[in-house]
């Protein structure tokens, strides 16, 4: 259900349909959460590789 309520920013005066504005905020936050999750996964992989390299029993 779409309402005709208007979102108005008290700081800058921006106006938009409240439902549309909320949907945009949800999508933006979901994207940021996904990027943060991916960064944590990558950081974990890098740490695992470093630990495996440091604990290897290869003698040169």
N, C-alpha and C. Protein backbone atom coordinates (compact mmCIF):
# COMPACT_ATOMS: atom_id res chain seq x y z
N UNK A 1 0.85 -1.18 0.00
CA UNK A 1 0.00 0.00 0.00
C UNK A 1 0.89 1.24 0.00
N UNK A 2 0.64 2.15 -0.88
CA UNK A 2 1.40 3.39 -0.97
C UNK A 2 0.56 4.52 -0.40
N UNK A 3 1.16 5.27 0.50
CA UNK A 3 0.46 6.42 1.07
C UNK A 3 0.83 7.68 0.30
N UNK A 4 0.15 8.74 0.61
CA UNK A 4 0.46 10.03 -0.01
C UNK A 4 1.15 10.95 0.98
N UNK A 5 1.67 10.36 2.05
CA UNK A 5 2.38 11.16 3.05
C UNK A 5 3.69 11.66 2.46
N UNK A 6 4.09 12.83 2.90
CA UNK A 6 5.31 13.47 2.41
C UNK A 6 6.36 13.48 3.51
N UNK A 7 7.58 13.10 3.15
CA UNK A 7 8.72 13.24 4.04
C UNK A 7 9.33 14.60 3.77
N UNK A 8 9.57 15.37 4.82
CA UNK A 8 10.23 16.66 4.69
C UNK A 8 11.41 16.72 5.65
N UNK A 9 12.59 16.96 5.12
CA UNK A 9 13.77 17.09 5.96
C UNK A 9 13.75 18.47 6.62
N UNK A 10 13.84 18.47 7.93
CA UNK A 10 13.81 19.74 8.65
C UNK A 10 15.12 20.50 8.49
N UNK A 11 16.18 19.80 8.12
CA UNK A 11 17.49 20.44 7.98
C UNK A 11 17.66 21.12 6.62
N UNK A 12 17.33 20.39 5.54
CA UNK A 12 17.60 20.94 4.20
C UNK A 12 16.35 21.24 3.39
N UNK A 13 15.17 20.77 3.86
CA UNK A 13 13.94 21.05 3.16
C UNK A 13 13.60 20.05 2.05
N UNK A 14 14.39 18.99 1.88
CA UNK A 14 14.12 17.98 0.87
C UNK A 14 12.75 17.36 1.11
N UNK A 15 11.98 17.16 0.03
CA UNK A 15 10.66 16.56 0.13
C UNK A 15 10.56 15.38 -0.81
N UNK A 16 9.91 14.30 -0.34
CA UNK A 16 9.68 13.12 -1.17
C UNK A 16 8.53 12.34 -0.57
N UNK A 17 7.97 11.44 -1.35
CA UNK A 17 6.96 10.53 -0.85
C UNK A 17 7.59 9.74 0.29
N UNK A 18 6.93 9.68 1.43
CA UNK A 18 7.50 9.05 2.61
C UNK A 18 7.82 7.57 2.38
N UNK A 19 6.94 6.85 1.70
CA UNK A 19 7.19 5.42 1.45
C UNK A 19 8.38 5.23 0.52
N UNK A 20 8.47 6.04 -0.50
CA UNK A 20 9.59 5.95 -1.44
C UNK A 20 10.90 6.29 -0.72
N UNK A 21 10.87 7.32 0.09
CA UNK A 21 12.06 7.72 0.84
C UNK A 21 12.51 6.61 1.78
N UNK A 22 11.55 5.98 2.47
CA UNK A 22 11.88 4.88 3.38
C UNK A 22 12.47 3.70 2.61
N UNK A 23 11.90 3.38 1.46
CA UNK A 23 12.43 2.27 0.65
C UNK A 23 13.86 2.55 0.20
N UNK A 24 14.13 3.78 -0.18
CA UNK A 24 15.48 4.15 -0.59
C UNK A 24 16.46 4.00 0.58
N UNK A 25 16.04 4.42 1.77
CA UNK A 25 16.90 4.29 2.95
C UNK A 25 17.18 2.83 3.28
N UNK A 26 16.15 1.98 3.18
CA UNK A 26 16.33 0.55 3.46
C UNK A 26 17.30 -0.06 2.46
N UNK A 27 17.14 0.24 1.18
CA UNK A 27 18.04 -0.30 0.16
C UNK A 27 19.47 0.18 0.38
N UNK A 28 19.63 1.44 0.72
CA UNK A 28 20.96 1.99 0.96
C UNK A 28 21.63 1.29 2.15
N UNK A 29 20.88 1.11 3.23
CA UNK A 29 21.44 0.46 4.41
C UNK A 29 21.74 -1.01 4.14
N UNK A 30 20.91 -1.67 3.37
CA UNK A 30 21.15 -3.07 3.03
C UNK A 30 22.44 -3.18 2.23
N UNK A 31 22.68 -2.25 1.33
CA UNK A 31 23.90 -2.25 0.54
C UNK A 31 25.12 -2.02 1.40
N UNK A 32 25.02 -1.11 2.36
CA UNK A 32 26.14 -0.84 3.27
C UNK A 32 26.41 -2.06 4.15
N UNK A 33 25.36 -2.71 4.61
CA UNK A 33 25.53 -3.90 5.44
C UNK A 33 26.20 -5.01 4.65
N UNK A 34 25.82 -5.16 3.40
CA UNK A 34 26.43 -6.20 2.56
C UNK A 34 27.91 -5.91 2.33
N UNK A 35 28.24 -4.64 2.09
CA UNK A 35 29.64 -4.28 1.89
C UNK A 35 30.45 -4.53 3.16
N UNK A 36 29.89 -4.22 4.32
CA UNK A 36 30.59 -4.45 5.58
C UNK A 36 30.80 -5.94 5.81
N UNK A 37 29.80 -6.73 5.50
CA UNK A 37 29.90 -8.18 5.67
C UNK A 37 30.98 -8.73 4.74
N UNK A 38 31.00 -8.28 3.51
CA UNK A 38 32.00 -8.74 2.55
C UNK A 38 33.41 -8.35 3.01
N UNK A 39 33.56 -7.14 3.55
CA UNK A 39 34.86 -6.70 4.03
C UNK A 39 35.33 -7.57 5.19
N UNK A 40 34.41 -7.95 6.08
CA UNK A 40 34.76 -8.83 7.20
C UNK A 40 35.16 -10.20 6.70
N UNK A 41 34.46 -10.71 5.70
CA UNK A 41 34.82 -12.01 5.13
C UNK A 41 36.21 -11.97 4.52
N UNK A 42 36.48 -10.91 3.77
CA UNK A 42 37.79 -10.78 3.14
C UNK A 42 38.89 -10.66 4.18
N UNK A 43 38.64 -9.89 5.23
CA UNK A 43 39.62 -9.72 6.30
C UNK A 43 39.89 -11.06 6.97
N UNK A 44 38.85 -11.86 7.17
CA UNK A 44 39.00 -13.18 7.78
C UNK A 44 39.82 -14.11 6.90
N UNK A 45 39.60 -14.06 5.60
CA UNK A 45 40.37 -14.90 4.67
C UNK A 45 41.84 -14.51 4.68
N UNK A 46 42.10 -13.21 4.70
CA UNK A 46 43.49 -12.75 4.72
C UNK A 46 44.17 -13.20 6.00
N UNK A 47 43.46 -13.14 7.11
CA UNK A 47 44.04 -13.56 8.39
C UNK A 47 44.31 -15.06 8.37
N UNK A 48 43.38 -15.85 7.82
CA UNK A 48 43.58 -17.30 7.74
C UNK A 48 44.81 -17.63 6.91
N UNK A 49 44.96 -16.95 5.78
CA UNK A 49 46.12 -17.19 4.93
C UNK A 49 47.41 -16.84 5.65
N UNK A 50 47.43 -15.73 6.35
CA UNK A 50 48.62 -15.31 7.08
C UNK A 50 48.97 -16.32 8.17
N UNK A 51 47.96 -16.78 8.89
CA UNK A 51 48.19 -17.76 9.94
C UNK A 51 48.70 -19.07 9.36
N UNK A 52 48.13 -19.50 8.25
CA UNK A 52 48.58 -20.74 7.61
C UNK A 52 50.03 -20.59 7.14
N UNK A 53 50.37 -19.47 6.59
CA UNK A 53 51.74 -19.21 6.11
C UNK A 53 52.71 -19.20 7.27
N UNK A 54 52.34 -18.52 8.34
CA UNK A 54 53.22 -18.41 9.51
C UNK A 54 53.39 -19.72 10.26
N UNK A 55 52.41 -20.60 10.19
CA UNK A 55 52.49 -21.86 10.92
C UNK A 55 52.94 -23.01 10.05
N UNK A 56 53.30 -22.75 8.81
CA UNK A 56 53.70 -23.84 7.92
C UNK A 56 55.03 -24.43 8.39
N UNK A 57 55.18 -25.68 8.12
CA UNK A 57 56.39 -26.37 8.57
C UNK A 57 57.41 -26.50 7.45
N UNK A 58 57.36 -25.62 6.52
CA UNK A 58 58.30 -25.65 5.39
C UNK A 58 59.63 -25.07 5.86
N UNK A 59 60.71 -25.81 5.64
CA UNK A 59 62.04 -25.37 6.02
C UNK A 59 62.82 -25.09 4.74
N UNK A 60 63.40 -23.92 4.69
CA UNK A 60 64.16 -23.54 3.49
C UNK A 60 65.62 -23.66 3.76
